[in-house]
Amino acid sequence: MNISFSQVICFLAIAAIYGFVMVQAQLAQGDSPLGGGPVNGGGSVLGRITDGGLGK
């Protein structure tokens, strides 16, 4: 494992930006970040997992 500190920071920054964008997209669609299933269409990744992958 030859991973430098800067690579870790870069990865965390990308992950944080990606997560922020995903949350904003869910809020724009009116979905709960933790939701899933028939109530809100399974708008989040966690919702899709808990709903058996049926969320759209």
C-alpha atoms as a PDB file:
ATOM      1  CA  MET A   1       0.000   0.000   0.000  1.00  0.00           C
ATOM      2  CA  ASN A   2       1.827   3.028  -1.262  1.00  0.00           C
ATOM      3  CA  ILE A   3      -0.801   5.709  -0.680  1.00  0.00           C
ATOM      4  CA  SER A   4       0.277   9.246   0.088  1.00  0.00           C
ATOM      5  CA  PHE A   5      -1.501  11.658   2.402  1.00  0.00           C
ATOM      6  CA  SER A   6      -2.416  13.939  -0.495  1.00  0.00           C
ATOM      7  CA  GLN A   7      -4.076  11.068  -2.346  1.00  0.00           C
ATOM      8  CA  VAL A   8      -6.224  10.339   0.689  1.00  0.00           C
ATOM      9  CA  ILE A   9      -7.255  14.002   0.988  1.00  0.00           C
ATOM     10  CA  CYS A  10      -8.062  14.132  -2.723  1.00  0.00           C
ATOM     11  CA  PHE A  11     -10.184  11.002  -2.505  1.00  0.00           C
ATOM     12  CA  LEU A  12     -12.081  12.324   0.522  1.00  0.00           C
ATOM     13  CA  ALA A  13     -12.706  15.630  -1.240  1.00  0.00           C
ATOM     14  CA  ILE A  14     -14.096  13.879  -4.324  1.00  0.00           C
ATOM     15  CA  ALA A  15     -16.265  11.627  -2.158  1.00  0.00           C
ATOM     16  CA  ALA A  16     -17.592  14.619  -0.209  1.00  0.00           C
ATOM     17  CA  ILE A  17     -18.444  16.534  -3.379  1.00  0.00           C
ATOM     18  CA  TYR A  18     -20.118  13.475  -4.902  1.00  0.00           C
ATOM     19  CA  GLY A  19     -22.148  12.899  -1.745  1.00  0.00           C
ATOM     20  CA  PHE A  20     -23.196  16.552  -1.611  1.00  0.00           C
ATOM     21  CA  VAL A  21     -24.309  16.508  -5.235  1.00  0.00           C
ATOM     22  CA  MET A  22     -26.310  13.312  -4.678  1.00  0.00           C
ATOM     23  CA  VAL A  23     -28.092  14.795  -1.658  1.00  0.00           C
ATOM     24  CA  GLN A  24     -28.906  17.965  -3.572  1.00  0.00           C
ATOM     25  CA  ALA A  25     -30.352  15.911  -6.434  1.00  0.00           C
ATOM     26  CA  GLN A  26     -32.512  13.950  -4.002  1.00  0.00           C
ATOM     27  CA  LEU A  27     -33.765  17.118  -2.312  1.00  0.00           C
ATOM     28  CA  ALA A  28     -34.591  18.584  -5.709  1.00  0.00           C
ATOM     29  CA  GLN A  29     -36.714  15.532  -6.430  1.00  0.00           C
ATOM     30  CA  GLY A  30     -38.471  15.826  -3.065  1.00  0.00           C
ATOM     31  CA  ASP A  31     -37.053  12.571  -1.727  1.00  0.00           C
ATOM     32  CA  SER A  32     -35.863  11.975   1.791  1.00  0.00           C
ATOM     33  CA  PRO A  33     -32.129  11.211   1.981  1.00  0.00           C
ATOM     34  CA  LEU A  34     -32.986   8.082   3.998  1.00  0.00           C
ATOM     35  CA  GLY A  35     -36.164   7.213   2.164  1.00  0.00           C
ATOM     36  CA  GLY A  36     -37.048   4.318  -0.031  1.00  0.00           C
ATOM     37  CA  GLY A  37     -39.937   2.301  -1.345  1.00  0.00           C
ATOM     38  CA  PRO A  38     -43.357   3.365  -2.555  1.00  0.00           C
ATOM     39  CA  VAL A  39     -43.577   6.434  -0.316  1.00  0.00           C
ATOM     40  CA  ASN A  40     -40.971   8.502  -2.121  1.00  0.00           C
ATOM     41  CA  GLY A  41     -39.873   6.278  -4.967  1.00  0.00           C
ATOM     42  CA  GLY A  42     -36.633   5.111  -3.385  1.00  0.00           C
ATOM     43  CA  GLY A  43     -34.730   8.259  -4.271  1.00  0.00           C
ATOM     44  CA  SER A  44     -31.616   7.443  -2.276  1.00  0.00           C
ATOM     45  CA  VAL A  45     -29.052   4.678  -2.495  1.00  0.00           C
ATOM     46  CA  LEU A  46     -29.838   3.604   1.061  1.00  0.00           C
ATOM     47  CA  GLY A  47     -33.526   3.616   0.198  1.00  0.00           C
ATOM     48  CA  ARG A  48     -32.925   1.373  -2.783  1.00  0.00           C
ATOM     49  CA  ILE A  49     -30.927  -1.067  -0.661  1.00  0.00           C
ATOM     50  CA  THR A  50     -33.551  -1.215   2.093  1.00  0.00           C
ATOM     51  CA  ASP A  51     -36.337  -1.525  -0.474  1.00  0.00           C
ATOM     52  CA  GLY A  52     -34.692  -4.478  -2.190  1.00  0.00           C
ATOM     53  CA  GLY A  53     -33.390  -2.472  -5.120  1.00  0.00           C
ATOM     54  CA  LEU A  54     -36.837  -1.555  -6.458  1.00  0.00           C
ATOM     55  CA  GLY A  55     -36.457   2.199  -6.006  1.00  0.00           C
ATOM     56  CA  LYS A  56     -36.336   4.400  -9.067  1.00  0.00           C
END
